[in-house]
Amino acid sequence: MVEQIDSMKRKQFAKGVTEIAQVGAIQIFFEPGTGMERVVVGVVGVLQFDVLQFRMESEYGCATTSATCRISSFATSTTPTSTLRS
């Protein structure tokens, strides 16, 4: 699970995660009924996750934090990332 540290950076977080997902670097998962403030991301390896965190901070000015989660409680996004709430 990835979320922004500063809640005032919500738009930058949503834009960054969405754009990085559009290029295929990550896959977005979310808790049904929640927004883009906290998302579960699917990555191929640790390096890809490190790249996500680096790009979020350097390109979008949004520091992130991460936590582990139970996968069974989340759903994949069937909505194109361009239409997700920001």
C-alpha atoms as a PDB file:
ATOM      1  CA  MET A   1       0.000   0.000   0.000  1.00  0.00           C
ATOM      2  CA  VAL A   2       1.323   3.417  -0.933  1.00  0.00           C
ATOM      3  CA  GLU A   3       0.034   6.725   0.336  1.00  0.00           C
ATOM      4  CA  GLN A   4       1.216  10.305   0.341  1.00  0.00           C
ATOM      5  CA  ILE A   5       2.806  11.651   3.508  1.00  0.00           C
ATOM      6  CA  ASP A   6       1.476  15.205   3.088  1.00  0.00           C
ATOM      7  CA  SER A   7      -2.294  15.260   2.581  1.00  0.00           C
ATOM      8  CA  MET A   8      -1.952  18.618   0.807  1.00  0.00           C
ATOM      9  CA  LYS A   9      -0.234  16.752  -2.064  1.00  0.00           C
ATOM     10  CA  ARG A  10      -3.294  14.652  -2.962  1.00  0.00           C
ATOM     11  CA  LYS A  11      -3.536  15.904  -6.541  1.00  0.00           C
ATOM     12  CA  GLN A  12       0.171  15.371  -7.204  1.00  0.00           C
ATOM     13  CA  PHE A  13      -0.083  11.863  -5.735  1.00  0.00           C
ATOM     14  CA  ALA A  14      -3.096  10.928  -7.852  1.00  0.00           C
ATOM     15  CA  LYS A  15      -1.520  12.393 -11.003  1.00  0.00           C
ATOM     16  CA  GLY A  16       1.804  10.649 -10.403  1.00  0.00           C
ATOM     17  CA  VAL A  17       0.363   7.223  -9.650  1.00  0.00           C
ATOM     18  CA  THR A  18      -2.008   7.467 -12.609  1.00  0.00           C
ATOM     19  CA  GLU A  19       0.679   8.553 -15.075  1.00  0.00           C
ATOM     20  CA  ILE A  20       3.170   5.938 -13.901  1.00  0.00           C
ATOM     21  CA  ALA A  21       0.451   3.280 -14.240  1.00  0.00           C
ATOM     22  CA  GLN A  22      -0.373   4.474 -17.767  1.00  0.00           C
ATOM     23  CA  VAL A  23       3.182   3.781 -18.938  1.00  0.00           C
ATOM     24  CA  GLY A  24       2.934   0.280 -17.504  1.00  0.00           C
ATOM     25  CA  ALA A  25       5.446   0.596 -14.666  1.00  0.00           C
ATOM     26  CA  ILE A  26       2.874  -0.306 -11.982  1.00  0.00           C
ATOM     27  CA  GLN A  27      -0.637  -1.658 -11.686  1.00  0.00           C
ATOM     28  CA  ILE A  28      -3.113   0.147  -9.442  1.00  0.00           C
ATOM     29  CA  PHE A  29      -5.362  -1.668  -6.968  1.00  0.00           C
ATOM     30  CA  PHE A  30      -7.705   0.106  -4.593  1.00  0.00           C
ATOM     31  CA  GLU A  31     -10.081  -0.408  -1.708  1.00  0.00           C
ATOM     32  CA  PRO A  32     -13.649  -0.255  -3.054  1.00  0.00           C
ATOM     33  CA  GLY A  33     -15.319   2.982  -2.023  1.00  0.00           C
ATOM     34  CA  THR A  34     -12.104   4.892  -1.369  1.00  0.00           C
ATOM     35  CA  GLY A  35     -10.328   7.525  -3.381  1.00  0.00           C
ATOM     36  CA  MET A  36      -6.773   7.867  -4.619  1.00  0.00           C
ATOM     37  CA  GLU A  37      -5.306   8.956  -1.273  1.00  0.00           C
ATOM     38  CA  ARG A  38      -4.129   5.403  -0.583  1.00  0.00           C
ATOM     39  CA  VAL A  39      -3.640   2.761  -3.254  1.00  0.00           C
ATOM     40  CA  VAL A  40      -2.152  -0.677  -3.534  1.00  0.00           C
ATOM     41  CA  VAL A  41       0.364  -0.925  -6.330  1.00  0.00           C
ATOM     42  CA  GLY A  42       1.486  -4.039  -8.104  1.00  0.00           C
ATOM     43  CA  VAL A  43       5.125  -4.079  -9.181  1.00  0.00           C
ATOM     44  CA  VAL A  44       7.373  -6.781 -10.596  1.00  0.00           C
ATOM     45  CA  GLY A  45      10.137  -6.367  -8.015  1.00  0.00           C
ATOM     46  CA  VAL A  46      11.698  -4.273  -5.300  1.00  0.00           C
ATOM     47  CA  LEU A  47      13.614  -2.140  -7.809  1.00  0.00           C
ATOM     48  CA  GLN A  48      10.403  -1.170  -9.587  1.00  0.00           C
ATOM     49  CA  PHE A  49       8.878  -0.161  -6.258  1.00  0.00           C
ATOM     50  CA  ASP A  50      11.965   1.944  -5.442  1.00  0.00           C
ATOM     51  CA  VAL A  51      11.655   3.620  -8.854  1.00  0.00           C
ATOM     52  CA  LEU A  52       7.999   4.433  -8.089  1.00  0.00           C
ATOM     53  CA  GLN A  53       8.898   6.102  -4.804  1.00  0.00           C
ATOM     54  CA  PHE A  54      11.813   7.997  -6.387  1.00  0.00           C
ATOM     55  CA  ARG A  55       9.692   9.263  -9.301  1.00  0.00           C
ATOM     56  CA  MET A  56       6.845  10.298  -7.005  1.00  0.00           C
ATOM     57  CA  GLU A  57       9.192  12.462  -4.958  1.00  0.00           C
ATOM     58  CA  SER A  58      11.437  13.834  -7.722  1.00  0.00           C
ATOM     59  CA  GLU A  59       8.931  14.322 -10.579  1.00  0.00           C
ATOM     60  CA  TYR A  60       5.696  14.994  -8.696  1.00  0.00           C
ATOM     61  CA  GLY A  61       7.005  16.500  -5.435  1.00  0.00           C
ATOM     62  CA  CYS A  62       5.082  13.987  -3.371  1.00  0.00           C
ATOM     63  CA  ALA A  63       6.851  11.912  -0.733  1.00  0.00           C
ATOM     64  CA  THR A  64       5.198   8.548  -0.128  1.00  0.00           C
ATOM     65  CA  THR A  65       5.095   5.940   2.571  1.00  0.00           C
ATOM     66  CA  SER A  66       4.345   2.262   2.228  1.00  0.00           C
ATOM     67  CA  ALA A  67       2.804  -0.514   4.291  1.00  0.00           C
ATOM     68  CA  THR A  68       1.924  -4.147   3.785  1.00  0.00           C
ATOM     69  CA  CYS A  69      -1.671  -5.154   3.219  1.00  0.00           C
ATOM     70  CA  ARG A  70      -3.905  -8.164   2.700  1.00  0.00           C
ATOM     71  CA  ILE A  71      -4.439  -8.585  -1.031  1.00  0.00           C
ATOM     72  CA  SER A  72      -7.803 -10.325  -0.639  1.00  0.00           C
ATOM     73  CA  SER A  73      -9.422  -7.111   0.625  1.00  0.00           C
ATOM     74  CA  PHE A  74      -8.724  -5.149  -2.561  1.00  0.00           C
ATOM     75  CA  ALA A  75     -10.083  -5.078  -6.089  1.00  0.00           C
ATOM     76  CA  THR A  76      -8.340  -4.318  -9.348  1.00  0.00           C
ATOM     77  CA  SER A  77      -9.311  -1.225 -11.223  1.00  0.00           C
ATOM     78  CA  THR A  78     -11.499  -2.030 -14.207  1.00  0.00           C
ATOM     79  CA  THR A  79     -11.858   1.660 -14.951  1.00  0.00           C
ATOM     80  CA  PRO A  80      -9.266   3.221 -17.255  1.00  0.00           C
ATOM     81  CA  THR A  81      -6.829   5.220 -15.130  1.00  0.00           C
ATOM     82  CA  SER A  82      -7.785   8.388 -16.987  1.00  0.00           C
ATOM     83  CA  THR A  83     -11.245   8.282 -15.396  1.00  0.00           C
ATOM     84  CA  LEU A  84     -10.204   7.556 -11.795  1.00  0.00           C
ATOM     85  CA  ARG A  85     -11.007  10.211  -9.233  1.00  0.00           C
ATOM     86  CA  SER A  86      -8.189  12.654  -8.478  1.00  0.00           C
END
